[in-house]
């Protein structure tokens, strides 16, 4: 199987960008968002490896099994967001431009 994927990789590296995009569409069923660089090649090879290995990696299988059994996947509890300092909430807005009117000034055109 690995020999087949290595041969496919050699073929992909020789393909034009248009042909790579066609191959990506064949495998994923939707057009690629990226036409440049090696991104389509990496995605295609990743899909081929996943197909050869049975679609899911061991870690993904383990997570799916844990979810099916109702286990909590998080090892540590979520951290609380940092508290805002009271001074930051009470500090009035300072005007930076000298030509800016004072707060509360009515602007009439």
Protein backbone atom coordinates (compact mmCIF):
# COMPACT_ATOMS: atom_id res chain seq x y z
CA UNK A 1 0.00 0.00 0.00
CA UNK A 2 2.80 2.43 0.85
CA UNK A 3 4.37 1.72 -2.54
CA UNK A 4 1.09 2.73 -4.21
CA UNK A 5 0.98 6.02 -2.26
CA UNK A 6 4.63 6.79 -3.03
CA UNK A 7 3.87 6.28 -6.73
CA UNK A 8 0.85 8.54 -6.42
CA UNK A 9 3.01 11.21 -4.75
CA UNK A 10 5.48 11.09 -7.63
CA UNK A 11 2.58 11.49 -10.07
CA UNK A 12 1.12 14.39 -8.09
CA UNK A 13 4.40 16.28 -8.12
CA UNK A 14 4.42 16.14 -11.92
CA UNK A 15 0.80 17.29 -12.34
CA UNK A 16 -0.23 20.77 -13.39
CA UNK A 17 -2.14 22.97 -10.97
CA UNK A 18 -5.39 22.46 -12.88
CA UNK A 19 -5.01 18.68 -12.79
CA UNK A 20 -4.18 18.80 -9.04
CA UNK A 21 -7.37 20.75 -8.43
CA UNK A 22 -9.36 18.20 -10.42
CA UNK A 23 -7.83 15.35 -8.41
CA UNK A 24 -8.65 17.18 -5.16
CA UNK A 25 -12.26 17.59 -6.29
CA UNK A 26 -12.44 13.88 -7.13
CA UNK A 27 -11.31 12.91 -3.62
CA UNK A 28 -13.10 15.54 -1.52
CA UNK A 29 -16.17 16.26 -3.64
CA UNK A 30 -15.61 20.02 -3.52
CA UNK A 31 -13.12 22.38 -5.16
CA UNK A 32 -9.98 23.39 -3.29
CA UNK A 33 -9.70 26.89 -1.85
CA UNK A 34 -5.95 26.98 -2.47
CA UNK A 35 -4.42 26.67 -5.91
CA UNK A 36 -0.84 27.47 -5.03
CA UNK A 37 2.07 25.73 -3.41
CA UNK A 38 1.96 22.19 -2.14
CA UNK A 39 -1.30 22.47 -0.20
CA UNK A 40 -3.41 20.41 -2.64
CA UNK A 41 -0.68 17.74 -2.79
CA UNK A 42 -0.54 17.46 1.01
CA UNK A 43 -4.32 17.22 1.29
CA UNK A 44 -4.54 14.57 -1.44
CA UNK A 45 -1.75 12.46 0.08
CA UNK A 46 -3.36 12.82 3.52
CA UNK A 47 -6.65 11.54 2.13
CA UNK A 48 -4.90 8.62 0.43
CA UNK A 49 -3.11 7.64 3.65
CA UNK A 50 -6.38 7.94 5.60
CA UNK A 51 -8.14 5.69 3.09
CA UNK A 52 -5.33 3.15 3.27
CA UNK A 53 -5.32 3.19 7.09
CA UNK A 54 -9.08 2.95 7.49
CA UNK A 55 -10.03 6.64 7.66
CA UNK A 56 -9.35 7.28 11.38
CA UNK A 57 -6.07 7.47 13.22
CA UNK A 58 -5.71 5.77 16.59
CA UNK A 59 -6.09 9.00 18.57
CA UNK A 60 -9.28 9.86 16.70
CA UNK A 61 -10.65 6.38 17.32
CA UNK A 62 -9.85 6.70 21.01
CA UNK A 63 -11.61 10.07 21.25
CA UNK A 64 -14.65 8.74 19.40
CA UNK A 65 -14.83 5.76 21.76
CA UNK A 66 -14.57 8.04 24.81
CA UNK A 67 -17.37 10.24 23.47
CA UNK A 68 -19.55 7.21 22.79
CA UNK A 69 -19.07 6.01 26.37
CA UNK A 70 -19.87 9.48 27.75
CA UNK A 71 -16.42 10.14 29.16
CA UNK A 72 -15.13 13.65 29.66
CA UNK A 73 -12.33 14.28 27.14
CA UNK A 74 -10.90 17.29 28.94
CA UNK A 75 -8.12 16.32 31.35
CA UNK A 76 -8.09 19.64 33.18
CA UNK A 77 -10.98 21.99 33.97
CA UNK A 78 -11.27 25.12 31.83
CA UNK A 79 -9.48 28.16 33.17
CA UNK A 80 -11.49 31.16 34.27
CA UNK A 81 -10.95 34.31 32.19
CA UNK A 82 -8.59 36.81 33.83
CA UNK A 83 -10.36 39.38 35.99
CA UNK A 84 -10.33 42.96 34.77
CA UNK A 85 -8.83 45.48 37.10
CA UNK A 86 -11.40 47.83 38.64
CA UNK A 87 -9.27 50.82 37.66
CA UNK A 88 -9.46 49.86 34.00
CA UNK A 89 -13.25 50.02 34.14
CA UNK A 90 -13.39 53.35 36.01
CA UNK A 91 -10.77 55.28 34.01
CA UNK A 92 -12.41 58.00 31.89
CA UNK A 93 -11.61 58.20 28.22
CA UNK A 94 -8.82 60.66 27.48
CA UNK A 95 -8.91 62.75 24.34
CA UNK A 96 -5.72 62.62 22.34
CA UNK A 97 -6.28 65.22 19.65
CA UNK A 98 -6.32 68.87 20.80
CA UNK A 99 -8.99 69.78 18.21
CA UNK A 100 -11.45 67.16 19.47
CA UNK A 101 -14.47 68.70 21.26
CA UNK A 102 -15.04 67.92 24.93
CA UNK A 103 -17.30 65.04 25.87
CA UNK A 104 -20.95 66.01 25.72
CA UNK A 105 -20.50 68.89 23.28
CA UNK A 106 -23.33 69.17 20.77
CA UNK A 107 -22.08 69.31 17.20
CA UNK A 108 -24.21 71.51 14.95
CA UNK A 109 -23.72 71.58 11.22
